[in-house]
Amino acid sequence: MTHGDLLDQIDAFLARSDVKMTETTFGRLAVNDGKLVGRLRDGGSLTLATAEKVTKFIAQHGAGEVAA
């Protein structure tokens, strides 16, 4: 999975009509880092463990795998 894939999943999750959440709130709830999404958009890196936490958060909240 690339950063772009992960950002696509995050964007799709946040775009869902039943999800009323900002990028900052998403990062804070998913991995306790409100700047996560912004840093990813700026080309920042993340650990495999953090990526796994993000995908687990999305899956637990009903989005599962989001097709790009």
C-alpha atoms as a PDB file:
ATOM      1  CA  MET A   1       0.000   0.000   0.000  1.00  0.00           C
ATOM      2  CA  THR A   2       1.308   3.438  -0.929  1.00  0.00           C
ATOM      3  CA  HIS A   3       0.726   6.784   0.757  1.00  0.00           C
ATOM      4  CA  GLY A   4      -1.591   7.635  -2.111  1.00  0.00           C
ATOM      5  CA  ASP A   5      -3.635   4.483  -1.515  1.00  0.00           C
ATOM      6  CA  LEU A   6      -3.934   5.287   2.169  1.00  0.00           C
ATOM      7  CA  LEU A   7      -4.946   8.884   1.444  1.00  0.00           C
ATOM      8  CA  ASP A   8      -7.544   7.613  -1.038  1.00  0.00           C
ATOM      9  CA  GLN A   9      -8.997   5.380   1.677  1.00  0.00           C
ATOM     10  CA  ILE A  10      -9.041   8.245   4.186  1.00  0.00           C
ATOM     11  CA  ASP A  11     -10.643  10.634   1.673  1.00  0.00           C
ATOM     12  CA  ALA A  12     -13.295   8.065   0.729  1.00  0.00           C
ATOM     13  CA  PHE A  13     -14.038   7.422   4.397  1.00  0.00           C
ATOM     14  CA  LEU A  14     -14.383  11.134   5.149  1.00  0.00           C
ATOM     15  CA  ALA A  15     -16.532  11.709   2.040  1.00  0.00           C
ATOM     16  CA  ARG A  16     -19.143   9.174   3.103  1.00  0.00           C
ATOM     17  CA  SER A  17     -22.433  10.885   3.885  1.00  0.00           C
ATOM     18  CA  ASP A  18     -22.754   9.195   7.283  1.00  0.00           C
ATOM     19  CA  VAL A  19     -19.293  10.343   8.416  1.00  0.00           C
ATOM     20  CA  LYS A  20     -19.163  13.894   9.745  1.00  0.00           C
ATOM     21  CA  MET A  21     -15.491  14.240  10.561  1.00  0.00           C
ATOM     22  CA  THR A  22     -12.635  16.562   9.686  1.00  0.00           C
ATOM     23  CA  GLU A  23      -9.180  15.345   8.693  1.00  0.00           C
ATOM     24  CA  THR A  24      -7.853  16.553  12.035  1.00  0.00           C
ATOM     25  CA  THR A  25     -10.462  14.636  13.997  1.00  0.00           C
ATOM     26  CA  PHE A  26      -9.845  11.541  11.891  1.00  0.00           C
ATOM     27  CA  GLY A  27      -6.116  11.596  12.638  1.00  0.00           C
ATOM     28  CA  ARG A  28      -6.693  12.220  16.319  1.00  0.00           C
ATOM     29  CA  LEU A  29      -9.215   9.407  16.675  1.00  0.00           C
ATOM     30  CA  ALA A  30      -7.356   6.922  14.465  1.00  0.00           C
ATOM     31  CA  VAL A  31      -3.808   7.364  15.758  1.00  0.00           C
ATOM     32  CA  ASN A  32      -3.856  10.264  18.247  1.00  0.00           C
ATOM     33  CA  ASP A  33      -2.260  12.608  15.683  1.00  0.00           C
ATOM     34  CA  GLY A  34      -4.375  15.472  14.409  1.00  0.00           C
ATOM     35  CA  LYS A  35      -1.766  16.444  11.814  1.00  0.00           C
ATOM     36  CA  LEU A  36      -1.457  12.977  10.270  1.00  0.00           C
ATOM     37  CA  VAL A  37      -3.496  13.605   7.111  1.00  0.00           C
ATOM     38  CA  GLY A  38      -1.887  16.980   6.453  1.00  0.00           C
ATOM     39  CA  ARG A  39       1.584  15.510   6.770  1.00  0.00           C
ATOM     40  CA  LEU A  40       0.687  12.663   4.419  1.00  0.00           C
ATOM     41  CA  ARG A  41      -0.627  15.181   1.870  1.00  0.00           C
ATOM     42  CA  ASP A  42       2.691  17.034   2.145  1.00  0.00           C
ATOM     43  CA  GLY A  43       4.594  13.826   1.355  1.00  0.00           C
ATOM     44  CA  GLY A  44       5.445  12.836   4.909  1.00  0.00           C
ATOM     45  CA  SER A  45       6.129   9.263   5.859  1.00  0.00           C
ATOM     46  CA  LEU A  46       4.561   6.970   8.408  1.00  0.00           C
ATOM     47  CA  THR A  47       5.373   3.658   9.974  1.00  0.00           C
ATOM     48  CA  LEU A  48       3.749   0.393   8.996  1.00  0.00           C
ATOM     49  CA  ALA A  49       2.198   0.243  12.461  1.00  0.00           C
ATOM     50  CA  THR A  50       0.556   3.647  11.948  1.00  0.00           C
ATOM     51  CA  ALA A  51      -0.747   2.642   8.518  1.00  0.00           C
ATOM     52  CA  GLU A  52      -2.225  -0.500  10.067  1.00  0.00           C
ATOM     53  CA  LYS A  53      -3.923   1.561  12.794  1.00  0.00           C
ATOM     54  CA  VAL A  54      -5.454   3.839  10.165  1.00  0.00           C
ATOM     55  CA  THR A  55      -6.816   0.961   8.077  1.00  0.00           C
ATOM     56  CA  LYS A  56      -8.096  -0.774  11.217  1.00  0.00           C
ATOM     57  CA  PHE A  57      -9.900   2.411  12.290  1.00  0.00           C
ATOM     58  CA  ILE A  58     -11.544   2.724   8.871  1.00  0.00           C
ATOM     59  CA  ALA A  59     -12.572  -0.936   8.896  1.00  0.00           C
ATOM     60  CA  GLN A  60     -13.999  -0.713  12.414  1.00  0.00           C
ATOM     61  CA  HIS A  61     -16.123   2.247  11.410  1.00  0.00           C
ATOM     62  CA  GLY A  62     -17.745   0.551   8.441  1.00  0.00           C
ATOM     63  CA  ALA A  63     -15.696   1.572   5.417  1.00  0.00           C
ATOM     64  CA  GLY A  64     -13.550  -1.542   5.028  1.00  0.00           C
ATOM     65  CA  GLU A  65     -11.398  -1.592   1.915  1.00  0.00           C
ATOM     66  CA  VAL A  66     -12.131   1.399  -0.252  1.00  0.00           C
ATOM     67  CA  ALA A  67     -11.504   0.956  -3.976  1.00  0.00           C
ATOM     68  CA  ALA A  68      -9.457   3.701  -5.560  1.00  0.00           C
END
